[in-house]
PDB file of N, CA and C in Angstrom:
ATOM      1  N   MET A   1     132.688  88.613 -61.291  1.00  0.00           N
ATOM      2  CA  MET A   1     131.421  88.912 -60.671  1.00  0.00           C
ATOM      3  C   MET A   1     130.872  87.678 -59.939  1.00  0.00           C
ATOM      4  N   ILE A   2     131.077  86.491 -60.521  1.00  0.00           N
ATOM      5  CA  ILE A   2     130.610  85.268 -59.866  1.00  0.00           C
ATOM      6  C   ILE A   2     131.249  85.137 -58.491  1.00  0.00           C
ATOM      7  N   GLU A   3     132.513  85.498 -58.394  1.00  0.00           N
ATOM      8  CA  GLU A   3     133.233  85.388 -57.126  1.00  0.00           C
ATOM      9  C   GLU A   3     132.568  86.227 -56.029  1.00  0.00           C
ATOM     10  N   PHE A   4     132.163  87.449 -56.377  1.00  0.00           N
ATOM     11  CA  PHE A   4     131.529  88.341 -55.401  1.00  0.00           C
ATOM     12  C   PHE A   4     130.238  87.726 -54.865  1.00  0.00           C
ATOM     13  N   PHE A   5     129.387  87.250 -55.755  1.00  0.00           N
ATOM     14  CA  PHE A   5     128.106  86.698 -55.327  1.00  0.00           C
ATOM     15  C   PHE A   5     128.263  85.349 -54.641  1.00  0.00           C
ATOM     16  N   THR A   6     129.303  84.610 -54.988  1.00  0.00           N
ATOM     17  CA  THR A   6     129.583  83.363 -54.286  1.00  0.00           C
ATOM     18  C   THR A   6     129.931  83.646 -52.833  1.00  0.00           C
ATOM     19  N   LYS A   7     130.670  84.709 -52.581  1.00  0.00           N
ATOM     20  CA  LYS A   7     131.019  85.084 -51.205  1.00  0.00           C
ATOM     21  C   LYS A   7     129.775  85.452 -50.398  1.00  0.00           C
ATOM     22  N   LEU A   8     128.773  86.014 -51.056  1.00  0.00           N
ATOM     23  CA  LEU A   8     127.534  86.371 -50.357  1.00  0.00           C
ATOM     24  C   LEU A   8     126.778  85.130 -49.861  1.00  0.00           C
ATOM     25  N   LEU A   9     127.085  83.971 -50.409  1.00  0.00           N
ATOM     26  CA  LEU A   9     126.421  82.737 -49.979  1.00  0.00           C
ATOM     27  C   LEU A   9     126.832  82.319 -48.570  1.00  0.00           C
ATOM     28  N   ASP A  10     127.814  83.009 -47.996  1.00  0.00           N
ATOM     29  CA  ASP A  10     128.194  82.754 -46.605  1.00  0.00           C
ATOM     30  C   ASP A  10     127.265  83.445 -45.615  1.00  0.00           C
ATOM     31  N   SER A  11     126.400  84.308 -46.107  1.00  0.00           N
ATOM     32  CA  SER A  11     125.484  85.050 -45.246  1.00  0.00           C
ATOM     33  C   SER A  11     124.439  84.127 -44.626  1.00  0.00           C
ATOM     34  N   THR A  12     123.912  84.542 -43.500  1.00  0.00           N
ATOM     35  CA  THR A  12     122.792  83.820 -42.885  1.00  0.00           C
ATOM     36  C   THR A  12     121.465  84.541 -43.136  1.00  0.00           C
ATOM     37  N   ASP A  13     121.544  85.705 -43.752  1.00  0.00           N
ATOM     38  CA  ASP A  13     120.353  86.497 -44.058  1.00  0.00           C
ATOM     39  C   ASP A  13     119.661  85.918 -45.292  1.00  0.00           C
ATOM     40  N   PRO A  14     118.409  85.454 -45.150  1.00  0.00           N
ATOM     41  CA  PRO A  14     117.704  84.841 -46.277  1.00  0.00           C
ATOM     42  C   PRO A  14     117.530  85.792 -47.465  1.00  0.00           C
ATOM     43  N   LEU A  15     117.399  87.084 -47.209  1.00  0.00           N
ATOM     44  CA  LEU A  15     117.236  88.035 -48.314  1.00  0.00           C
ATOM     45  C   LEU A  15     118.526  88.156 -49.126  1.00  0.00           C
ATOM     46  N   ILE A  16     119.653  88.183 -48.448  1.00  0.00           N
ATOM     47  CA  ILE A  16     120.938  88.246 -49.146  1.00  0.00           C
ATOM     48  C   ILE A  16     121.166  86.961 -49.924  1.00  0.00           C
ATOM     49  N   LEU A  17     120.875  85.828 -49.308  1.00  0.00           N
ATOM     50  CA  LEU A  17     121.036  84.542 -49.992  1.00  0.00           C
ATOM     51  C   LEU A  17     120.146  84.462 -51.226  1.00  0.00           C
ATOM     52  N   ASN A  18     118.910  84.872 -51.083  1.00  0.00           N
ATOM     53  CA  ASN A  18     117.966  84.837 -52.195  1.00  0.00           C
ATOM     54  C   ASN A  18     118.452  85.734 -53.336  1.00  0.00           C
ATOM     55  N   GLY A  19     118.884  86.952 -52.991  1.00  0.00           N
ATOM     56  CA  GLY A  19     119.371  87.881 -54.002  1.00  0.00           C
ATOM     57  C   GLY A  19     120.622  87.370 -54.695  1.00  0.00           C
ATOM     58  N   ALA A  20     121.558  86.834 -53.922  1.00  0.00           N
ATOM     59  CA  ALA A  20     122.801  86.317 -54.501  1.00  0.00           C
ATOM     60  C   ALA A  20     122.516  85.151 -55.436  1.00  0.00           C
ATOM     61  N   LEU A  21     121.650  84.239 -55.017  1.00  0.00           N
ATOM     62  CA  LEU A  21     121.318  83.087 -55.867  1.00  0.00           C
ATOM     63  C   LEU A  21     120.582  83.522 -57.130  1.00  0.00           C
ATOM     64  N   GLU A  22     119.727  84.520 -57.013  1.00  0.00           N
ATOM     65  CA  GLU A  22     119.006  85.016 -58.191  1.00  0.00           C
ATOM     66  C   GLU A  22     119.972  85.637 -59.199  1.00  0.00           C
ATOM     67  N   VAL A  23     120.910  86.424 -58.711  1.00  0.00           N
ATOM     68  CA  VAL A  23     121.894  87.033 -59.614  1.00  0.00           C
ATOM     69  C   VAL A  23     122.773  85.958 -60.240  1.00  0.00           C
ATOM     70  N   LEU A  24     123.212  84.992 -59.443  1.00  0.00           N
ATOM     71  CA  LEU A  24     124.025  83.897 -59.981  1.00  0.00           C
ATOM     72  C   LEU A  24     123.258  83.103 -61.032  1.00  0.00           C
ATOM     73  N   ARG A  25     121.968  82.903 -60.793  1.00  0.00           N
ATOM     74  CA  ARG A  25     121.132  82.191 -61.777  1.00  0.00           C
ATOM     75  C   ARG A  25     121.097  82.958 -63.090  1.00  0.00           C
ATOM     76  N   GLN A  26     120.905  84.265 -62.998  1.00  0.00           N
ATOM     77  CA  GLN A  26     120.843  85.081 -64.208  1.00  0.00           C
ATOM     78  C   GLN A  26     122.181  85.115 -64.933  1.00  0.00           C
ATOM     79  N   ILE A  27     123.273  85.194 -64.187  1.00  0.00           N
ATOM     80  CA  ILE A  27     124.606  85.172 -64.798  1.00  0.00           C
ATOM     81  C   ILE A  27     124.815  83.858 -65.550  1.00  0.00           C
ATOM     82  N   CYS A  28     124.491  82.752 -64.897  1.00  0.00           N
ATOM     83  CA  CYS A  28     124.689  81.441 -65.517  1.00  0.00           C
ATOM     84  C   CYS A  28     123.775  81.236 -66.723  1.00  0.00           C
ATOM     85  N   GLU A  29     122.599  81.809 -66.668  1.00  0.00           N
ATOM     86  CA  GLU A  29     121.656  81.683 -67.779  1.00  0.00           C
ATOM     87  C   GLU A  29     122.126  82.499 -68.988  1.00  0.00           C
ATOM     88  N   ASP A  30     122.686  83.664 -68.746  1.00  0.00           N
ATOM     89  CA  ASP A  30     123.014  84.599 -69.823  1.00  0.00           C
ATOM     90  C   ASP A  30     124.454  84.531 -70.327  1.00  0.00           C
ATOM     91  N   THR A  31     125.320  83.845 -69.609  1.00  0.00           N
ATOM     92  CA  THR A  31     126.736  83.844 -69.953  1.00  0.00           C
ATOM     93  C   THR A  31     127.101  82.607 -70.766  1.00  0.00           C
ATOM     94  N   PRO A  32     127.829  82.802 -71.861  1.00  0.00           N
ATOM     95  CA  PRO A  32     128.272  81.644 -72.647  1.00  0.00           C
ATOM     96  C   PRO A  32     129.173  80.734 -71.806  1.00  0.00           C
ATOM     97  N   PRO A  33     129.094  79.422 -72.019  1.00  0.00           N
ATOM     98  CA  PRO A  33     129.872  78.470 -71.220  1.00  0.00           C
ATOM     99  C   PRO A  33     131.373  78.768 -71.187  1.00  0.00           C
ATOM    100  N   ARG A  34     131.946  79.214 -72.296  1.00  0.00           N
ATOM    101  CA  ARG A  34     133.391  79.473 -72.320  1.00  0.00           C
ATOM    102  C   ARG A  34     133.773  80.602 -71.371  1.00  0.00           C
ATOM    103  N   GLU A  35     132.831  81.475 -71.055  1.00  0.00           N
ATOM    104  CA  GLU A  35     133.107  82.546 -70.096  1.00  0.00           C
ATOM    105  C   GLU A  35     132.849  82.106 -68.657  1.00  0.00           C
ATOM    106  N   LEU A  36     131.956  81.151 -68.466  1.00  0.00           N
ATOM    107  CA  LEU A  36     131.712  80.621 -67.129  1.00  0.00           C
ATOM    108  C   LEU A  36     132.895  79.806 -66.642  1.00  0.00           C
ATOM    109  N   ASP A  37     133.509  79.078 -67.552  1.00  0.00           N
ATOM    110  CA  ASP A  37     134.629  78.208 -67.203  1.00  0.00           C
ATOM    111  C   ASP A  37     135.731  78.381 -68.244  1.00  0.00           C
ATOM    112  N   PRO A  38     136.442  79.528 -68.211  1.00  0.00           N
ATOM    113  CA  PRO A  38     137.438  79.817 -69.235  1.00  0.00           C
ATOM    114  C   PRO A  38     138.606  78.828 -69.194  1.00  0.00           C
ATOM    115  N   ILE A  39     139.219  78.635 -70.339  1.00  0.00           N
ATOM    116  CA  ILE A  39     140.377  77.748 -70.423  1.00  0.00           C
ATOM    117  C   ILE A  39     141.538  78.342 -69.635  1.00  0.00           C
ATOM    118  N   ASP A  40     141.772  79.628 -69.816  1.00  0.00           N
ATOM    119  CA  ASP A  40     142.840  80.321 -69.090  1.00  0.00           C
ATOM    120  C   ASP A  40     142.225  81.239 -68.038  1.00  0.00           C
ATOM    121  N   GLY A  41     142.941  81.442 -66.973  1.00  0.00           N
ATOM    122  CA  GLY A  41     142.484  82.369 -65.944  1.00  0.00           C
ATOM    123  C   GLY A  41     141.742  81.683 -64.818  1.00  0.00           C
ATOM    124  N   PRO A  42     141.125  82.505 -63.964  1.00  0.00           N
ATOM    125  CA  PRO A  42     140.427  81.952 -62.797  1.00  0.00           C
ATOM    126  C   PRO A  42     139.238  81.088 -63.211  1.00  0.00           C
ATOM    127  N   LYS A  43     138.950  80.131 -62.367  1.00  0.00           N
ATOM    128  CA  LYS A  43     137.841  79.199 -62.601  1.00  0.00           C
ATOM    129  C   LYS A  43     136.786  79.420 -61.519  1.00  0.00           C
ATOM    130  N   PRO A  44     135.900  80.424 -61.695  1.00  0.00           N
ATOM    131  CA  PRO A  44     134.928  80.728 -60.643  1.00  0.00           C
ATOM    132  C   PRO A  44     133.977  79.576 -60.327  1.00  0.00           C
ATOM    133  N   LEU A  45     133.727  78.713 -61.298  1.00  0.00           N
ATOM    134  CA  LEU A  45     132.815  77.599 -61.042  1.00  0.00           C
ATOM    135  C   LEU A  45     133.415  76.584 -60.082  1.00  0.00           C
ATOM    136  N   ASN A  46     134.748  76.521 -60.013  1.00  0.00           N
ATOM    137  CA  ASN A  46     135.383  75.602 -59.064  1.00  0.00           C
ATOM    138  C   ASN A  46     135.094  75.993 -57.621  1.00  0.00           C
ATOM    139  N   VAL A  47     134.758  77.240 -57.396  1.00  0.00           N
ATOM    140  CA  VAL A  47     134.383  77.716 -56.063  1.00  0.00           C
ATOM    141  C   VAL A  47     132.864  77.681 -55.907  1.00  0.00           C
ATOM    142  N   LEU A  48     132.151  78.068 -56.957  1.00  0.00           N
ATOM    143  CA  LEU A  48     130.691  78.166 -56.886  1.00  0.00           C
ATOM    144  C   LEU A  48     130.011  76.813 -56.720  1.00  0.00           C
ATOM    145  N   VAL A  49     130.399  75.827 -57.501  1.00  0.00           N
ATOM    146  CA  VAL A  49     129.692  74.538 -57.493  1.00  0.00           C
ATOM    147  C   VAL A  49     129.709  73.869 -56.112  1.00  0.00           C
ATOM    148  N   PRO A  50     130.853  73.783 -55.429  1.00  0.00           N
ATOM    149  CA  PRO A  50     130.808  73.186 -54.088  1.00  0.00           C
ATOM    150  C   PRO A  50     129.890  73.953 -53.126  1.00  0.00           C
ATOM    151  N   ARG A  51     129.852  75.267 -53.259  1.00  0.00           N
ATOM    152  CA  ARG A  51     128.958  76.064 -52.403  1.00  0.00           C
ATOM    153  C   ARG A  51     127.502  75.755 -52.730  1.00  0.00           C
ATOM    154  N   LEU A  52     127.199  75.614 -54.008  1.00  0.00           N
ATOM    155  CA  LEU A  52     125.825  75.307 -54.407  1.00  0.00           C
ATOM    156  C   LEU A  52     125.397  73.940 -53.906  1.00  0.00           C
ATOM    157  N   ILE A  53     126.300  72.985 -53.974  1.00  0.00           N
ATOM    158  CA  ILE A  53     125.977  71.637 -53.508  1.00  0.00           C
ATOM    159  C   ILE A  53     125.568  71.663 -52.040  1.00  0.00           C
ATOM    160  N   GLN A  54     126.178  72.525 -51.257  1.00  0.00           N
ATOM    161  CA  GLN A  54     125.819  72.647 -49.842  1.00  0.00           C
ATOM    162  C   GLN A  54     124.387  73.146 -49.662  1.00  0.00           C
ATOM    163  N   PHE A  55     123.860  73.868 -50.647  1.00  0.00           N
ATOM    164  CA  PHE A  55     122.505  74.411 -50.545  1.00  0.00           C
ATOM    165  C   PHE A  55     121.431  73.396 -50.918  1.00  0.00           C
ATOM    166  N   PHE A  56     121.816  72.239 -51.420  1.00  0.00           N
ATOM    167  CA  PHE A  56     120.813  71.223 -51.770  1.00  0.00           C
ATOM    168  C   PHE A  56     119.995  70.818 -50.551  1.00  0.00           C
ATOM    169  N   GLY A  57     120.580  70.863 -49.389  1.00  0.00           N
ATOM    170  CA  GLY A  57     119.875  70.469 -48.175  1.00  0.00           C
ATOM    171  C   GLY A  57     119.384  71.645 -47.345  1.00  0.00           C
ATOM    172  N   HIS A  58     119.382  72.831 -47.897  1.00  0.00           N
ATOM    173  CA  HIS A  58     118.965  74.026 -47.151  1.00  0.00           C
ATOM    174  C   HIS A  58     117.482  73.917 -46.794  1.00  0.00           C
ATOM    175  N   PRO A  59     117.098  74.368 -45.593  1.00  0.00           N
ATOM    176  CA  PRO A  59     115.693  74.257 -45.189  1.00  0.00           C
ATOM    177  C   PRO A  59     114.741  75.158 -45.986  1.00  0.00           C
ATOM    178  N   ASN A  60     115.265  76.209 -46.629  1.00  0.00           N
ATOM    179  CA  ASN A  60     114.423  77.131 -47.388  1.00  0.00           C
ATOM    180  C   ASN A  60     114.222  76.578 -48.804  1.00  0.00           C
ATOM    181  N   GLU A  61     112.979  76.237 -49.116  1.00  0.00           N
ATOM    182  CA  GLU A  61     112.664  75.621 -50.410  1.00  0.00           C
ATOM    183  C   GLU A  61     112.995  76.533 -51.593  1.00  0.00           C
ATOM    184  N   GLU A  62     112.755  77.825 -51.449  1.00  0.00           N
ATOM    185  CA  GLU A  62     113.041  78.767 -52.541  1.00  0.00           C
ATOM    186  C   GLU A  62     114.538  78.804 -52.862  1.00  0.00           C
ATOM    187  N   LEU A  63     115.365  78.747 -51.820  1.00  0.00           N
ATOM    188  CA  LEU A  63     116.814  78.750 -52.032  1.00  0.00           C
ATOM    189  C   LEU A  63     117.264  77.450 -52.691  1.00  0.00           C
ATOM    190  N   ARG A  64     116.671  76.333 -52.290  1.00  0.00           N
ATOM    191  CA  ARG A  64     117.003  75.051 -52.929  1.00  0.00           C
ATOM    192  C   ARG A  64     116.620  75.073 -54.411  1.00  0.00           C
ATOM    193  N   GLN A  65     115.458  75.648 -54.714  1.00  0.00           N
ATOM    194  CA  GLN A  65     114.994  75.715 -56.095  1.00  0.00           C
ATOM    195  C   GLN A  65     115.948  76.557 -56.946  1.00  0.00           C
ATOM    196  N   LYS A  66     116.341  77.707 -56.455  1.00  0.00           N
ATOM    197  CA  LYS A  66     117.277  78.556 -57.203  1.00  0.00           C
ATOM    198  C   LYS A  66     118.615  77.846 -57.398  1.00  0.00           C
ATOM    199  N   THR A  67     119.049  77.130 -56.367  1.00  0.00           N
ATOM    200  CA  THR A  67     120.296  76.382 -56.462  1.00  0.00           C
ATOM    201  C   THR A  67     120.214  75.345 -57.573  1.00  0.00           C
ATOM    202  N   LEU A  68     119.126  74.620 -57.645  1.00  0.00           N
ATOM    203  CA  LEU A  68     118.952  73.604 -58.688  1.00  0.00           C
ATOM    204  C   LEU A  68     118.897  74.237 -60.082  1.00  0.00           C
ATOM    205  N   GLU A  69     118.280  75.403 -60.183  1.00  0.00           N
ATOM    206  CA  GLU A  69     118.237  76.094 -61.475  1.00  0.00           C
ATOM    207  C   GLU A  69     119.642  76.481 -61.922  1.00  0.00           C
ATOM    208  N   ILE A  70     120.450  76.991 -60.999  1.00  0.00           N
ATOM    209  CA  ILE A  70     121.824  77.361 -61.332  1.00  0.00           C
ATOM    210  C   ILE A  70     122.611  76.126 -61.747  1.00  0.00           C
ATOM    211  N   MET A  71     122.487  75.062 -60.964  1.00  0.00           N
ATOM    212  CA  MET A  71     123.219  73.836 -61.286  1.00  0.00           C
ATOM    213  C   MET A  71     122.801  73.293 -62.655  1.00  0.00           C
ATOM    214  N   ASN A  72     121.551  73.431 -62.993  1.00  0.00           N
ATOM    215  CA  ASN A  72     121.070  72.996 -64.303  1.00  0.00           C
ATOM    216  C   ASN A  72     121.816  73.732 -65.414  1.00  0.00           C
ATOM    217  N   PHE A  73     121.923  75.049 -65.300  1.00  0.00           N
ATOM    218  CA  PHE A  73     122.658  75.829 -66.307  1.00  0.00           C
ATOM    219  C   PHE A  73     124.125  75.425 -66.338  1.00  0.00           C
ATOM    220  N   VAL A  74     124.722  75.284 -65.173  1.00  0.00           N
ATOM    221  CA  VAL A  74     126.145  74.962 -65.083  1.00  0.00           C
ATOM    222  C   VAL A  74     126.428  73.581 -65.681  1.00  0.00           C
ATOM    223  N   LEU A  75     125.627  72.605 -65.318  1.00  0.00           N
ATOM    224  CA  LEU A  75     125.877  71.238 -65.784  1.00  0.00           C
ATOM    225  C   LEU A  75     125.692  71.098 -67.290  1.00  0.00           C
ATOM    226  N   PHE A  76     124.722  71.803 -67.843  1.00  0.00           N
ATOM    227  CA  PHE A  76     124.521  71.711 -69.286  1.00  0.00           C
ATOM    228  C   PHE A  76     125.574  72.483 -70.058  1.00  0.00           C
ATOM    229  N   SER A  77     126.083  73.547 -69.470  1.00  0.00           N
ATOM    230  CA  SER A  77     127.080  74.352 -70.184  1.00  0.00           C
ATOM    231  C   SER A  77     128.496  73.840 -69.966  1.00  0.00           C
ATOM    232  N   THR A  78     128.789  73.324 -68.782  1.00  0.00           N
ATOM    233  CA  THR A  78     130.138  72.847 -68.470  1.00  0.00           C
ATOM    234  C   THR A  78     130.047  71.554 -67.662  1.00  0.00           C
ATOM    235  N   PRO A  79     129.686  70.452 -68.315  1.00  0.00           N
ATOM    236  CA  PRO A  79     129.473  69.198 -67.575  1.00  0.00           C
ATOM    237  C   PRO A  79     130.702  68.671 -66.862  1.00  0.00           C
ATOM    238  N   THR A  80     131.888  69.065 -67.270  1.00  0.00           N
ATOM    239  CA  THR A  80     133.100  68.564 -66.619  1.00  0.00           C
ATOM    240  C   THR A  80     133.249  69.084 -65.198  1.00  0.00           C
ATOM    241  N   ILE A  81     132.569  70.164 -64.857  1.00  0.00           N
ATOM    242  CA  ILE A  81     132.703  70.747 -63.520  1.00  0.00           C
ATOM    243  C   ILE A  81     132.195  69.781 -62.446  1.00  0.00           C
ATOM    244  N   ILE A  82     131.231  68.939 -62.781  1.00  0.00           N
ATOM    245  CA  ILE A  82     130.690  68.030 -61.774  1.00  0.00           C
ATOM    246  C   ILE A  82     131.684  66.918 -61.439  1.00  0.00           C
ATOM    247  N   VAL A  83     132.592  66.605 -62.358  1.00  0.00           N
ATOM    248  CA  VAL A  83     133.556  65.540 -62.132  1.00  0.00           C
ATOM    249  C   VAL A  83     134.398  65.829 -60.893  1.00  0.00           C
ATOM    250  N   SER A  84     134.860  67.063 -60.761  1.00  0.00           N
ATOM    251  CA  SER A  84     135.711  67.401 -59.614  1.00  0.00           C
ATOM    252  C   SER A  84     134.915  67.515 -58.320  1.00  0.00           C
ATOM    253  N   ASN A  85     133.595  67.532 -58.411  1.00  0.00           N
ATOM    254  CA  ASN A  85     132.738  67.658 -57.230  1.00  0.00           C
ATOM    255  C   ASN A  85     131.781  66.480 -57.105  1.00  0.00           C
ATOM    256  N   PHE A  86     132.094  65.388 -57.782  1.00  0.00           N
ATOM    257  CA  PHE A  86     131.161  64.269 -57.876  1.00  0.00           C
ATOM    258  C   PHE A  86     130.850  63.629 -56.529  1.00  0.00           C
ATOM    259  N   ASP A  87     131.854  63.447 -55.689  1.00  0.00           N
ATOM    260  CA  ASP A  87     131.613  62.821 -54.384  1.00  0.00           C
ATOM    261  C   ASP A  87     130.645  63.641 -53.543  1.00  0.00           C
ATOM    262  N   ALA A  88     130.857  64.947 -53.489  1.00  0.00           N
ATOM    263  CA  ALA A  88     129.951  65.819 -52.723  1.00  0.00           C
ATOM    264  C   ALA A  88     128.556  65.802 -53.332  1.00  0.00           C
ATOM    265  N   PHE A  89     128.476  65.800 -54.663  1.00  0.00           N
ATOM    266  CA  PHE A  89     127.194  65.767 -55.354  1.00  0.00           C
ATOM    267  C   PHE A  89     126.438  64.477 -55.026  1.00  0.00           C
ATOM    268  N   LEU A  90     127.127  63.347 -55.078  1.00  0.00           N
ATOM    269  CA  LEU A  90     126.485  62.074 -54.753  1.00  0.00           C
ATOM    270  C   LEU A  90     126.032  62.021 -53.297  1.00  0.00           C
ATOM    271  N   GLN A  91     126.834  62.572 -52.401  1.00  0.00           N
ATOM    272  CA  GLN A  91     126.507  62.555 -50.984  1.00  0.00           C
ATOM    273  C   GLN A  91     125.175  63.258 -50.713  1.00  0.00           C
ATOM    274  N   VAL A  92     124.987  64.444 -51.303  1.00  0.00           N
ATOM    275  CA  VAL A  92     123.732  65.161 -51.058  1.00  0.00           C
ATOM    276  C   VAL A  92     122.568  64.504 -51.778  1.00  0.00           C
ATOM    277  N   CYS A  93     122.829  63.808 -52.861  1.00  0.00           N
ATOM    278  CA  CYS A  93     121.751  63.092 -53.552  1.00  0.00           C
ATOM    279  C   CYS A  93     121.242  61.922 -52.728  1.00  0.00           C
ATOM    280  N   LYS A  94     122.106  61.337 -51.916  1.00  0.00           N
ATOM    281  CA  LYS A  94     121.710  60.215 -51.063  1.00  0.00           C
ATOM    282  C   LYS A  94     120.859  60.664 -49.880  1.00  0.00           C
ATOM    283  N   GLU A  95     121.009  61.911 -49.471  1.00  0.00           N
ATOM    284  CA  GLU A  95     120.331  62.401 -48.269  1.00  0.00           C
ATOM    285  C   GLU A  95     118.894  62.704 -48.492  1.00  0.00           C
TER     286      GLU A  95
END
């Protein structure tokens, strides 16, 4: 399910972006960490986190806020995910 909503982040429609980020926030809030980043199988966070990092600089404040909320859940539940995206994360923090 994360994969589907991550694909919606390619939209330019603010309503679709807002809805996708809200659903992703709820998924990350309600899903146990082992299911967000399973040991075996697909790793949806490896696709989601880089996309979220791109939203840190989005002009829409509401979208940036939702992005930060999702990242908060992700980082606390699976802190190792930031390691593979650390350079991109640092880059947007500098901006």
